[in-house]
Amino acid sequence: FASFIFAYFHIIYGSLSEVVGAFFLGAILGLCYIRSKNLFVPLIAHLSYNLILVILTFGV
């Protein structure tokens, strides 16, 4: 259920592929939380994912 909510908040980015990707990323981040029982694990994973996307997209 949380993956659907995570994907819903990514609808603003416009494309269906991004929403589907957000759904699966939400599921992976949820599993990270379930396994670690620590909210910082998925938080750092999300931050790392976003950082990689920014570097690949903008070449920063």
Foldseek 3Di string as FASTA:
>chain_A
DQLQVQLVVVCVVPDPVSSVVSSVLRVVLVVQCVVVVDNVRSVVVVVVVVVVVCCVVVVD
